[in-house]
């Protein structure tokens, strides 16, 4: 059974209160063959519910082995993939898992080692 759109909209309106940017960077190769890192640009934004605490419970619930620094739930129609960069609360995270369900996506990630 699919989750009704009316229920999805009610959840989104009540809980998805944070704006998260999905970022992209385009690396180029110079004439000598060196990789030049491009600047980060916004691919899209999404509204979601963000958790920074009690992440151990989420790891156990989802069966994740590695530790996580952020958990985002958002609409199921969001275009996010593993290894996408996410900006939330002025920090950068890399998406390590994107787990779909009928009503939403669960995105978990770690702090990205290079902060702007």
PDB file of N, CA and C in Angstrom:
ATOM      1  N   UNK A   1       0.844  -1.179   0.000  1.00  0.00           N
ATOM      2  CA  UNK A   1       0.000   0.000   0.000  1.00  0.00           C
ATOM      3  C   UNK A   1       0.885   1.237   0.000  1.00  0.00           C
ATOM      4  N   UNK A   2       0.619   2.155  -0.890  1.00  0.00           N
ATOM      5  CA  UNK A   2       1.362   3.398  -0.940  1.00  0.00           C
ATOM      6  C   UNK A   2       0.817   4.385   0.085  1.00  0.00           C
ATOM      7  N   UNK A   3       1.716   5.197   0.593  1.00  0.00           N
ATOM      8  CA  UNK A   3       1.345   6.212   1.573  1.00  0.00           C
ATOM      9  C   UNK A   3       0.583   7.313   0.841  1.00  0.00           C
ATOM     10  N   UNK A   4      -0.606   7.722   1.310  1.00  0.00           N
ATOM     11  CA  UNK A   4      -1.416   8.722   0.594  1.00  0.00           C
ATOM     12  C   UNK A   4      -0.721  10.085   0.524  1.00  0.00           C
ATOM     13  N   UNK A   5      -0.895  10.774  -0.613  1.00  0.00           N
ATOM     14  CA  UNK A   5      -0.289  12.092  -0.804  1.00  0.00           C
ATOM     15  C   UNK A   5      -0.746  13.091   0.258  1.00  0.00           C
ATOM     16  N   UNK A   6      -1.982  12.993   0.682  1.00  0.00           N
ATOM     17  CA  UNK A   6      -2.503  13.912   1.700  1.00  0.00           C
ATOM     18  C   UNK A   6      -1.711  13.757   3.006  1.00  0.00           C
ATOM     19  N   UNK A   7      -1.388  12.528   3.366  1.00  0.00           N
ATOM     20  CA  UNK A   7      -0.597  12.282   4.576  1.00  0.00           C
ATOM     21  C   UNK A   7       0.836  12.765   4.392  1.00  0.00           C
ATOM     22  N   UNK A   8       1.434  12.529   3.204  1.00  0.00           N
ATOM     23  CA  UNK A   8       2.791  13.005   2.925  1.00  0.00           C
ATOM     24  C   UNK A   8       2.865  14.519   3.049  1.00  0.00           C
ATOM     25  N   UNK A   9       1.870  15.208   2.507  1.00  0.00           N
ATOM     26  CA  UNK A   9       1.853  16.669   2.569  1.00  0.00           C
ATOM     27  C   UNK A   9       1.707  17.173   3.999  1.00  0.00           C
ATOM     28  N   UNK A  10       0.910  16.495   4.797  1.00  0.00           N
ATOM     29  CA  UNK A  10       0.744  16.891   6.197  1.00  0.00           C
ATOM     30  C   UNK A  10       2.050  16.719   6.971  1.00  0.00           C
ATOM     31  N   UNK A  11       2.757  15.633   6.719  1.00  0.00           N
ATOM     32  CA  UNK A  11       4.050  15.404   7.375  1.00  0.00           C
ATOM     33  C   UNK A  11       5.063  16.457   6.944  1.00  0.00           C
ATOM     34  N   UNK A  12       5.127  16.712   5.643  1.00  0.00           N
ATOM     35  CA  UNK A  12       6.080  17.698   5.122  1.00  0.00           C
ATOM     36  C   UNK A  12       5.817  19.070   5.725  1.00  0.00           C
ATOM     37  N   UNK A  13       4.579  19.456   5.792  1.00  0.00           N
ATOM     38  CA  UNK A  13       4.218  20.776   6.328  1.00  0.00           C
ATOM     39  C   UNK A  13       4.572  20.886   7.806  1.00  0.00           C
ATOM     40  N   UNK A  14       4.437  19.800   8.542  1.00  0.00           N
ATOM     41  CA  UNK A  14       4.691  19.815   9.986  1.00  0.00           C
ATOM     42  C   UNK A  14       6.158  19.641  10.361  1.00  0.00           C
ATOM     43  N   UNK A  15       6.890  18.793   9.646  1.00  0.00           N
ATOM     44  CA  UNK A  15       8.221  18.401  10.091  1.00  0.00           C
ATOM     45  C   UNK A  15       9.379  18.885   9.222  1.00  0.00           C
ATOM     46  N   UNK A  16       9.163  19.085   7.940  1.00  0.00           N
ATOM     47  CA  UNK A  16      10.265  19.437   7.051  1.00  0.00           C
ATOM     48  C   UNK A  16      10.487  20.946   7.097  1.00  0.00           C
ATOM     49  N   UNK A  17      11.149  21.391   8.173  1.00  0.00           N
ATOM     50  CA  UNK A  17      11.271  22.816   8.450  1.00  0.00           C
ATOM     51  C   UNK A  17      12.668  23.385   8.218  1.00  0.00           C
ATOM     52  N   UNK A  18      13.607  22.590   7.772  1.00  0.00           N
ATOM     53  CA  UNK A  18      14.976  23.051   7.521  1.00  0.00           C
ATOM     54  C   UNK A  18      15.259  23.024   6.021  1.00  0.00           C
ATOM     55  N   UNK A  19      15.997  24.038   5.558  1.00  0.00           N
ATOM     56  CA  UNK A  19      16.415  24.078   4.163  1.00  0.00           C
ATOM     57  C   UNK A  19      17.829  23.519   4.063  1.00  0.00           C
ATOM     58  N   UNK A  20      18.006  22.543   3.199  1.00  0.00           N
ATOM     59  CA  UNK A  20      19.297  21.897   2.987  1.00  0.00           C
ATOM     60  C   UNK A  20      19.674  22.117   1.520  1.00  0.00           C
ATOM     61  N   UNK A  21      20.907  22.525   1.282  1.00  0.00           N
ATOM     62  CA  UNK A  21      21.396  22.696  -0.084  1.00  0.00           C
ATOM     63  C   UNK A  21      22.122  21.428  -0.521  1.00  0.00           C
ATOM     64  N   UNK A  22      21.833  20.976  -1.731  1.00  0.00           N
ATOM     65  CA  UNK A  22      22.579  19.888  -2.348  1.00  0.00           C
ATOM     66  C   UNK A  22      23.569  20.564  -3.288  1.00  0.00           C
ATOM     67  N   UNK A  23      24.856  20.306  -3.061  1.00  0.00           N
ATOM     68  CA  UNK A  23      25.908  21.016  -3.785  1.00  0.00           C
ATOM     69  C   UNK A  23      26.600  20.116  -4.795  1.00  0.00           C
ATOM     70  N   UNK A  24      27.185  20.747  -5.772  1.00  0.00           N
ATOM     71  CA  UNK A  24      27.962  20.026  -6.767  1.00  0.00           C
ATOM     72  C   UNK A  24      29.244  20.806  -7.039  1.00  0.00           C
ATOM     73  N   UNK A  25      30.253  20.112  -7.441  1.00  0.00           N
ATOM     74  CA  UNK A  25      31.509  20.737  -7.846  1.00  0.00           C
ATOM     75  C   UNK A  25      31.980  20.033  -9.100  1.00  0.00           C
ATOM     76  N   UNK A  26      32.544  20.800  -9.989  1.00  0.00           N
ATOM     77  CA  UNK A  26      33.023  20.208 -11.230  1.00  0.00           C
ATOM     78  C   UNK A  26      34.533  20.354 -11.289  1.00  0.00           C
ATOM     79  N   UNK A  27      35.220  19.232 -11.242  1.00  0.00           N
ATOM     80  CA  UNK A  27      36.675  19.233 -11.346  1.00  0.00           C
ATOM     81  C   UNK A  27      37.066  19.292 -12.819  1.00  0.00           C
ATOM     82  N   UNK A  28      38.148  19.993 -13.088  1.00  0.00           N
ATOM     83  CA  UNK A  28      38.660  20.060 -14.456  1.00  0.00           C
ATOM     84  C   UNK A  28      40.110  19.583 -14.456  1.00  0.00           C
ATOM     85  N   UNK A  29      40.598  19.251 -15.616  1.00  0.00           N
ATOM     86  CA  UNK A  29      41.979  18.802 -15.781  1.00  0.00           C
ATOM     87  C   UNK A  29      42.721  19.893 -16.550  1.00  0.00           C
ATOM     88  N   UNK A  30      43.829  20.369 -15.978  1.00  0.00           N
ATOM     89  CA  UNK A  30      44.606  21.403 -16.665  1.00  0.00           C
ATOM     90  C   UNK A  30      45.465  20.780 -17.759  1.00  0.00           C
ATOM     91  N   UNK A  31      46.188  21.621 -18.491  1.00  0.00           N
ATOM     92  CA  UNK A  31      46.966  21.147 -19.642  1.00  0.00           C
ATOM     93  C   UNK A  31      48.078  20.188 -19.248  1.00  0.00           C
ATOM     94  N   UNK A  32      48.511  20.244 -17.997  1.00  0.00           N
ATOM     95  CA  UNK A  32      49.563  19.343 -17.529  1.00  0.00           C
ATOM     96  C   UNK A  32      49.015  18.058 -16.914  1.00  0.00           C
ATOM     97  N   UNK A  33      47.693  17.930 -16.916  1.00  0.00           N
ATOM     98  CA  UNK A  33      47.073  16.721 -16.397  1.00  0.00           C
ATOM     99  C   UNK A  33      46.703  16.780 -14.931  1.00  0.00           C
ATOM    100  N   UNK A  34      46.884  17.933 -14.297  1.00  0.00           N
ATOM    101  CA  UNK A  34      46.522  18.081 -12.882  1.00  0.00           C
ATOM    102  C   UNK A  34      45.040  18.364 -12.721  1.00  0.00           C
ATOM    103  N   UNK A  35      44.468  17.874 -11.641  1.00  0.00           N
ATOM    104  CA  UNK A  35      43.057  18.096 -11.361  1.00  0.00           C
ATOM    105  C   UNK A  35      42.896  19.426 -10.630  1.00  0.00           C
ATOM    106  N   UNK A  36      42.016  20.267 -11.146  1.00  0.00           N
ATOM    107  CA  UNK A  36      41.721  21.558 -10.547  1.00  0.00           C
ATOM    108  C   UNK A  36      40.317  21.470  -9.955  1.00  0.00           C
ATOM    109  N   UNK A  37      40.222  21.647  -8.634  1.00  0.00           N
ATOM    110  CA  UNK A  37      38.932  21.577  -7.959  1.00  0.00           C
ATOM    111  C   UNK A  37      38.119  22.824  -8.274  1.00  0.00           C
ATOM    112  N   UNK A  38      36.891  22.618  -8.670  1.00  0.00           N
ATOM    113  CA  UNK A  38      35.990  23.727  -8.939  1.00  0.00           C
ATOM    114  C   UNK A  38      35.317  24.198  -7.666  1.00  0.00           C
ATOM    115  N   UNK A  39      34.688  25.338  -7.734  1.00  0.00           N
ATOM    116  CA  UNK A  39      33.984  25.841  -6.560  1.00  0.00           C
ATOM    117  C   UNK A  39      32.635  25.128  -6.430  1.00  0.00           C
ATOM    118  N   UNK A  40      32.100  25.134  -5.239  1.00  0.00           N
ATOM    119  CA  UNK A  40      30.821  24.478  -4.978  1.00  0.00           C
ATOM    120  C   UNK A  40      29.683  25.354  -5.490  1.00  0.00           C
ATOM    121  N   UNK A  41      28.740  24.736  -6.176  1.00  0.00           N
ATOM    122  CA  UNK A  41      27.542  25.430  -6.629  1.00  0.00           C
ATOM    123  C   UNK A  41      26.327  24.644  -6.159  1.00  0.00           C
ATOM    124  N   UNK A  42      25.229  25.344  -5.993  1.00  0.00           N
ATOM    125  CA  UNK A  42      24.001  24.707  -5.512  1.00  0.00           C
ATOM    126  C   UNK A  42      23.305  23.981  -6.658  1.00  0.00           C
ATOM    127  N   UNK A  43      23.154  22.668  -6.505  1.00  0.00           N
ATOM    128  CA  UNK A  43      22.454  21.834  -7.486  1.00  0.00           C
ATOM    129  C   UNK A  43      20.944  21.971  -7.295  1.00  0.00           C
ATOM    130  N   UNK A  44      20.512  21.925  -6.025  1.00  0.00           N
ATOM    131  CA  UNK A  44      19.102  22.108  -5.683  1.00  0.00           C
ATOM    132  C   UNK A  44      18.999  22.310  -4.173  1.00  0.00           C
ATOM    133  N   UNK A  45      17.836  22.664  -3.717  1.00  0.00           N
ATOM    134  CA  UNK A  45      17.586  22.752  -2.279  1.00  0.00           C
ATOM    135  C   UNK A  45      16.420  21.837  -1.942  1.00  0.00           C
ATOM    136  N   UNK A  46      16.363  21.433  -0.695  1.00  0.00           N
ATOM    137  CA  UNK A  46      15.261  20.583  -0.244  1.00  0.00           C
ATOM    138  C   UNK A  46      14.857  20.994   1.163  1.00  0.00           C
ATOM    139  N   UNK A  47      13.645  20.673   1.503  1.00  0.00           N
ATOM    140  CA  UNK A  47      13.140  20.888   2.856  1.00  0.00           C
ATOM    141  C   UNK A  47      13.155  19.547   3.558  1.00  0.00           C
ATOM    142  N   UNK A  48      13.664  19.532   4.786  1.00  0.00           N
ATOM    143  CA  UNK A  48      13.734  18.266   5.497  1.00  0.00           C
ATOM    144  C   UNK A  48      13.771  18.441   6.996  1.00  0.00           C
ATOM    145  N   UNK A  49      13.703  17.342   7.678  1.00  0.00           N
ATOM    146  CA  UNK A  49      13.845  17.285   9.127  1.00  0.00           C
ATOM    147  C   UNK A  49      15.261  16.796   9.402  1.00  0.00           C
ATOM    148  N   UNK A  50      16.002  17.515  10.232  1.00  0.00           N
ATOM    149  CA  UNK A  50      17.409  17.217  10.459  1.00  0.00           C
ATOM    150  C   UNK A  50      17.627  16.803  11.906  1.00  0.00           C
ATOM    151  N   UNK A  51      18.410  15.736  12.092  1.00  0.00           N
ATOM    152  CA  UNK A  51      18.789  15.287  13.435  1.00  0.00           C
ATOM    153  C   UNK A  51      20.301  15.234  13.535  1.00  0.00           C
ATOM    154  N   UNK A  52      20.796  15.808  14.646  1.00  0.00           N
ATOM    155  CA  UNK A  52      22.224  15.768  14.939  1.00  0.00           C
ATOM    156  C   UNK A  52      22.501  14.947  16.201  1.00  0.00           C
ATOM    157  N   UNK A  53      21.456  14.566  16.938  1.00  0.00           N
ATOM    158  CA  UNK A  53      21.615  13.848  18.203  1.00  0.00           C
ATOM    159  C   UNK A  53      20.928  12.490  18.128  1.00  0.00           C
ATOM    160  N   UNK A  54      21.273  11.630  19.074  1.00  0.00           N
ATOM    161  CA  UNK A  54      20.713  10.272  19.146  1.00  0.00           C
ATOM    162  C   UNK A  54      20.897   9.502  17.839  1.00  0.00           C
ATOM    163  N   UNK A  55      22.025   9.733  17.204  1.00  0.00           N
ATOM    164  CA  UNK A  55      22.270   9.094  15.914  1.00  0.00           C
ATOM    165  C   UNK A  55      22.579   7.607  16.048  1.00  0.00           C
ATOM    166  N   UNK A  56      23.016   7.178  17.222  1.00  0.00           N
ATOM    167  CA  UNK A  56      23.256   5.756  17.456  1.00  0.00           C
ATOM    168  C   UNK A  56      21.990   4.939  17.279  1.00  0.00           C
ATOM    169  N   UNK A  57      20.854   5.494  17.728  1.00  0.00           N
ATOM    170  CA  UNK A  57      19.569   4.808  17.554  1.00  0.00           C
ATOM    171  C   UNK A  57      19.254   4.626  16.071  1.00  0.00           C
ATOM    172  N   UNK A  58      19.509   5.656  15.301  1.00  0.00           N
ATOM    173  CA  UNK A  58      19.237   5.597  13.856  1.00  0.00           C
ATOM    174  C   UNK A  58      20.150   4.584  13.192  1.00  0.00           C
ATOM    175  N   UNK A  59      21.435   4.594  13.564  1.00  0.00           N
ATOM    176  CA  UNK A  59      22.374   3.630  13.005  1.00  0.00           C
ATOM    177  C   UNK A  59      21.907   2.210  13.258  1.00  0.00           C
ATOM    178  N   UNK A  60      21.473   1.927  14.483  1.00  0.00           N
ATOM    179  CA  UNK A  60      20.993   0.593  14.831  1.00  0.00           C
ATOM    180  C   UNK A  60      19.733   0.248  14.053  1.00  0.00           C
ATOM    181  N   UNK A  61      18.804   1.194  14.000  1.00  0.00           N
ATOM    182  CA  UNK A  61      17.531   0.973  13.315  1.00  0.00           C
ATOM    183  C   UNK A  61      17.733   0.684  11.828  1.00  0.00           C
ATOM    184  N   UNK A  62      18.683   1.391  11.204  1.00  0.00           N
ATOM    185  CA  UNK A  62      18.923   1.220   9.768  1.00  0.00           C
ATOM    186  C   UNK A  62      19.957   0.142   9.462  1.00  0.00           C
ATOM    187  N   UNK A  63      20.586  -0.404  10.502  1.00  0.00           N
ATOM    188  CA  UNK A  63      21.588  -1.443  10.305  1.00  0.00           C
ATOM    189  C   UNK A  63      22.897  -0.911   9.750  1.00  0.00           C
ATOM    190  N   UNK A  64      23.225   0.342  10.067  1.00  0.00           N
ATOM    191  CA  UNK A  64      24.459   0.943   9.573  1.00  0.00           C
ATOM    192  C   UNK A  64      25.622   0.573  10.474  1.00  0.00           C
ATOM    193  N   UNK A  65      26.770   0.295   9.874  1.00  0.00           N
ATOM    194  CA  UNK A  65      27.966  -0.075  10.625  1.00  0.00           C
ATOM    195  C   UNK A  65      28.796   1.163  10.972  1.00  0.00           C
ATOM    196  N   UNK A  66      28.942   2.071  10.020  1.00  0.00           N
ATOM    197  CA  UNK A  66      29.749   3.271  10.227  1.00  0.00           C
ATOM    198  C   UNK A  66      28.969   4.321  11.007  1.00  0.00           C
ATOM    199  N   UNK A  67      29.699   5.144  11.759  1.00  0.00           N
ATOM    200  CA  UNK A  67      29.042   6.210  12.506  1.00  0.00           C
ATOM    201  C   UNK A  67      28.608   7.311  11.540  1.00  0.00           C
ATOM    202  N   UNK A  68      27.607   8.092  11.961  1.00  0.00           N
ATOM    203  CA  UNK A  68      27.073   9.172  11.137  1.00  0.00           C
ATOM    204  C   UNK A  68      27.047  10.458  11.954  1.00  0.00           C
ATOM    205  N   UNK A  69      27.034  11.595  11.249  1.00  0.00           N
ATOM    206  CA  UNK A  69      27.004  12.899  11.897  1.00  0.00           C
ATOM    207  C   UNK A  69      25.696  13.644  11.677  1.00  0.00           C
ATOM    208  N   UNK A  70      24.886  13.186  10.725  1.00  0.00           N
ATOM    209  CA  UNK A  70      23.631  13.855  10.405  1.00  0.00           C
ATOM    210  C   UNK A  70      22.644  12.840   9.848  1.00  0.00           C
ATOM    211  N   UNK A  71      21.368  13.080  10.133  1.00  0.00           N
ATOM    212  CA  UNK A  71      20.288  12.277   9.556  1.00  0.00           C
ATOM    213  C   UNK A  71      19.205  13.240   9.091  1.00  0.00           C
ATOM    214  N   UNK A  72      18.837  13.134   7.825  1.00  0.00           N
ATOM    215  CA  UNK A  72      17.829  14.006   7.225  1.00  0.00           C
ATOM    216  C   UNK A  72      16.701  13.136   6.702  1.00  0.00           C
ATOM    217  N   UNK A  73      15.471  13.500   7.014  1.00  0.00           N
ATOM    218  CA  UNK A  73      14.322  12.878   6.367  1.00  0.00           C
ATOM    219  C   UNK A  73      13.671  13.952   5.512  1.00  0.00           C
ATOM    220  N   UNK A  74      13.249  13.558   4.315  1.00  0.00           N
ATOM    221  CA  UNK A  74      12.668  14.515   3.376  1.00  0.00           C
ATOM    222  C   UNK A  74      11.718  13.770   2.444  1.00  0.00           C
ATOM    223  N   UNK A  75      11.091  14.502   1.563  1.00  0.00           N
ATOM    224  CA  UNK A  75      10.168  13.905   0.610  1.00  0.00           C
ATOM    225  C   UNK A  75      10.841  12.871  -0.268  1.00  0.00           C
ATOM    226  N   UNK A  76      10.071  11.901  -0.710  1.00  0.00           N
ATOM    227  CA  UNK A  76      10.615  10.798  -1.514  1.00  0.00           C
ATOM    228  C   UNK A  76      11.003  11.220  -2.925  1.00  0.00           C
ATOM    229  N   UNK A  77      10.580  12.399  -3.346  1.00  0.00           N
ATOM    230  CA  UNK A  77      10.846  12.850  -4.714  1.00  0.00           C
ATOM    231  C   UNK A  77      12.121  13.689  -4.848  1.00  0.00           C
ATOM    232  N   UNK A  78      12.912  13.780  -3.789  1.00  0.00           N
ATOM    233  CA  UNK A  78      14.123  14.594  -3.789  1.00  0.00           C
ATOM    234  C   UNK A  78      15.235  13.885  -4.563  1.00  0.00           C
ATOM    235  N   UNK A  79      16.006  14.651  -5.329  1.00  0.00           N
ATOM    236  CA  UNK A  79      17.081  14.096  -6.159  1.00  0.00           C
ATOM    237  C   UNK A  79      18.411  14.183  -5.403  1.00  0.00           C
ATOM    238  N   UNK A  80      18.681  13.221  -4.534  1.00  0.00           N
ATOM    239  CA  UNK A  80      19.919  13.158  -3.760  1.00  0.00           C
ATOM    240  C   UNK A  80      20.508  11.765  -3.935  1.00  0.00           C
ATOM    241  N   UNK A  81      21.830  11.720  -4.081  1.00  0.00           N
ATOM    242  CA  UNK A  81      22.530  10.447  -4.258  1.00  0.00           C
ATOM    243  C   UNK A  81      23.658  10.327  -3.247  1.00  0.00           C
ATOM    244  N   UNK A  82      24.135   9.099  -3.053  1.00  0.00           N
ATOM    245  CA  UNK A  82      25.309   8.865  -2.223  1.00  0.00           C
ATOM    246  C   UNK A  82      26.467   9.679  -2.800  1.00  0.00           C
ATOM    247  N   UNK A  83      27.267  10.268  -1.923  1.00  0.00           N
ATOM    248  CA  UNK A  83      28.422  11.124  -2.236  1.00  0.00           C
ATOM    249  C   UNK A  83      28.056  12.552  -2.615  1.00  0.00           C
ATOM    250  N   UNK A  84      26.765  12.907  -2.639  1.00  0.00           N
ATOM    251  CA  UNK A  84      26.399  14.304  -2.831  1.00  0.00           C
ATOM    252  C   UNK A  84      26.822  15.090  -1.599  1.00  0.00           C
ATOM    253  N   UNK A  85      27.199  16.338  -1.808  1.00  0.00           N
ATOM    254  CA  UNK A  85      27.526  17.219  -0.696  1.00  0.00           C
ATOM    255  C   UNK A  85      26.277  17.964  -0.275  1.00  0.00           C
ATOM    256  N   UNK A  86      26.103  18.095   1.038  1.00  0.00           N
ATOM    257  CA  UNK A  86      24.929  18.762   1.598  1.00  0.00           C
ATOM    258  C   UNK A  86      25.397  19.878   2.525  1.00  0.00           C
ATOM    259  N   UNK A  87      24.761  21.040   2.428  1.00  0.00           N
ATOM    260  CA  UNK A  87      25.065  22.130   3.350  1.00  0.00           C
ATOM    261  C   UNK A  87      23.852  22.323   4.254  1.00  0.00           C
ATOM    262  N   UNK A  88      24.105  22.193   5.557  1.00  0.00           N
ATOM    263  CA  UNK A  88      23.057  22.365   6.558  1.00  0.00           C
ATOM    264  C   UNK A  88      23.677  23.058   7.762  1.00  0.00           C
ATOM    265  N   UNK A  89      23.039  24.096   8.250  1.00  0.00           N
ATOM    266  CA  UNK A  89      23.546  24.857   9.401  1.00  0.00           C
ATOM    267  C   UNK A  89      24.995  25.299   9.183  1.00  0.00           C
ATOM    268  N   UNK A  90      25.282  25.760   7.981  1.00  0.00           N
ATOM    269  CA  UNK A  90      26.608  26.278   7.608  1.00  0.00           C
ATOM    270  C   UNK A  90      27.735  25.261   7.728  1.00  0.00           C
ATOM    271  N   UNK A  91      27.424  23.979   7.694  1.00  0.00           N
ATOM    272  CA  UNK A  91      28.429  22.927   7.669  1.00  0.00           C
ATOM    273  C   UNK A  91      28.188  22.051   6.454  1.00  0.00           C
ATOM    274  N   UNK A  92      29.271  21.448   5.973  1.00  0.00           N
ATOM    275  CA  UNK A  92      29.177  20.565   4.812  1.00  0.00           C
ATOM    276  C   UNK A  92      29.211  19.105   5.246  1.00  0.00           C
ATOM    277  N   UNK A  93      28.357  18.312   4.631  1.00  0.00           N
ATOM    278  CA  UNK A  93      28.262  16.877   4.899  1.00  0.00           C
ATOM    279  C   UNK A  93      28.290  16.145   3.567  1.00  0.00           C
ATOM    280  N   UNK A  94      28.757  14.917   3.581  1.00  0.00           N
ATOM    281  CA  UNK A  94      28.687  14.064   2.405  1.00  0.00           C
ATOM    282  C   UNK A  94      27.670  12.963   2.706  1.00  0.00           C
ATOM    283  N   UNK A  95      26.748  12.751   1.775  1.00  0.00           N
ATOM    284  CA  UNK A  95      25.720  11.722   1.946  1.00  0.00           C
ATOM    285  C   UNK A  95      26.365  10.346   1.814  1.00  0.00           C
ATOM    286  N   UNK A  96      26.217   9.528   2.856  1.00  0.00           N
ATOM    287  CA  UNK A  96      26.804   8.189   2.824  1.00  0.00           C
ATOM    288  C   UNK A  96      25.768   7.098   2.532  1.00  0.00           C
ATOM    289  N   UNK A  97      24.504   7.373   2.805  1.00  0.00           N
ATOM    290  CA  UNK A  97      23.413   6.442   2.475  1.00  0.00           C
ATOM    291  C   UNK A  97      22.158   7.244   2.181  1.00  0.00           C
ATOM    292  N   UNK A  98      21.417   6.803   1.192  1.00  0.00           N
ATOM    293  CA  UNK A  98      20.110   7.374   0.866  1.00  0.00           C
ATOM    294  C   UNK A  98      19.142   6.203   0.838  1.00  0.00           C
ATOM    295  N   UNK A  99      18.239   6.177   1.820  1.00  0.00           N
ATOM    296  CA  UNK A  99      17.369   5.023   2.019  1.00  0.00           C
ATOM    297  C   UNK A  99      15.920   5.426   1.737  1.00  0.00           C
ATOM    298  N   UNK A 100      15.325   4.903   0.659  1.00  0.00           N
ATOM    299  CA  UNK A 100      13.952   5.264   0.321  1.00  0.00           C
ATOM    300  C   UNK A 100      12.920   4.431   1.081  1.00  0.00           C
ATOM    301  N   UNK A 101      11.767   5.018   1.286  1.00  0.00           N
ATOM    302  CA  UNK A 101      10.597   4.295   1.778  1.00  0.00           C
ATOM    303  C   UNK A 101       9.388   4.856   1.030  1.00  0.00           C
ATOM    304  N   UNK A 102       8.198   4.355   1.331  1.00  0.00           N
ATOM    305  CA  UNK A 102       7.000   4.824   0.627  1.00  0.00           C
ATOM    306  C   UNK A 102       6.753   6.308   0.833  1.00  0.00           C
ATOM    307  N   UNK A 103       7.005   6.801   2.036  1.00  0.00           N
ATOM    308  CA  UNK A 103       6.609   8.166   2.369  1.00  0.00           C
ATOM    309  C   UNK A 103       7.739   9.177   2.349  1.00  0.00           C
ATOM    310  N   UNK A 104       9.000   8.729   2.414  1.00  0.00           N
ATOM    311  CA  UNK A 104      10.100   9.690   2.533  1.00  0.00           C
ATOM    312  C   UNK A 104      11.445   9.046   2.190  1.00  0.00           C
ATOM    313  N   UNK A 105      12.475   9.881   2.152  1.00  0.00           N
ATOM    314  CA  UNK A 105      13.858   9.417   2.052  1.00  0.00           C
ATOM    315  C   UNK A 105      14.537   9.680   3.381  1.00  0.00           C
ATOM    316  N   UNK A 106      15.411   8.793   3.771  1.00  0.00           N
ATOM    317  CA  UNK A 106      16.295   9.020   4.907  1.00  0.00           C
ATOM    318  C   UNK A 106      17.701   9.150   4.330  1.00  0.00           C
ATOM    319  N   UNK A 107      18.312  10.299   4.581  1.00  0.00           N
ATOM    320  CA  UNK A 107      19.665  10.570   4.102  1.00  0.00           C
ATOM    321  C   UNK A 107      20.561  10.672   5.323  1.00  0.00           C
ATOM    322  N   UNK A 108      21.607   9.879   5.374  1.00  0.00           N
ATOM    323  CA  UNK A 108      22.572   9.973   6.476  1.00  0.00           C
ATOM    324  C   UNK A 108      23.921  10.344   5.891  1.00  0.00           C
ATOM    325  N   UNK A 109      24.734  11.010   6.713  1.00  0.00           N
ATOM    326  CA  UNK A 109      26.012  11.441   6.203  1.00  0.00           C
ATOM    327  C   UNK A 109      27.012  11.767   7.289  1.00  0.00           C
ATOM    328  N   UNK A 110      28.185  12.139   6.825  1.00  0.00           N
ATOM    329  CA  UNK A 110      29.289  12.506   7.705  1.00  0.00           C
ATOM    330  C   UNK A 110      29.767  13.906   7.354  1.00  0.00           C
ATOM    331  N   UNK A 111      30.397  14.552   8.345  1.00  0.00           N
ATOM    332  CA  UNK A 111      31.008  15.838   8.054  1.00  0.00           C
ATOM    333  C   UNK A 111      32.006  15.666   6.933  1.00  0.00           C
ATOM    334  N   UNK A 112      31.987  16.589   6.008  1.00  0.00           N
ATOM    335  CA  UNK A 112      32.951  16.560   4.902  1.00  0.00           C
ATOM    336  C   UNK A 112      34.254  17.127   5.420  1.00  0.00           C
ATOM    337  N   UNK A 113      35.365  16.499   5.074  1.00  0.00           N
ATOM    338  CA  UNK A 113      36.648  16.877   5.655  1.00  0.00           C
ATOM    339  C   UNK A 113      37.095  18.277   5.253  1.00  0.00           C
ATOM    340  N   UNK A 114      36.597  18.813   4.163  1.00  0.00           N
ATOM    341  CA  UNK A 114      36.987  20.153   3.712  1.00  0.00           C
ATOM    342  C   UNK A 114      35.816  21.096   3.926  1.00  0.00           C
ATOM    343  N   UNK A 115      35.911  21.951   4.942  1.00  0.00           N
ATOM    344  CA  UNK A 115      34.867  22.936   5.202  1.00  0.00           C
ATOM    345  C   UNK A 115      35.281  24.252   4.546  1.00  0.00           C
ATOM    346  N   UNK A 116      34.323  24.961   3.989  1.00  0.00           N
ATOM    347  CA  UNK A 116      34.616  26.244   3.344  1.00  0.00           C
ATOM    348  C   UNK A 116      34.910  27.310   4.359  1.00  0.00           C
TER     349      UNK A 116
END
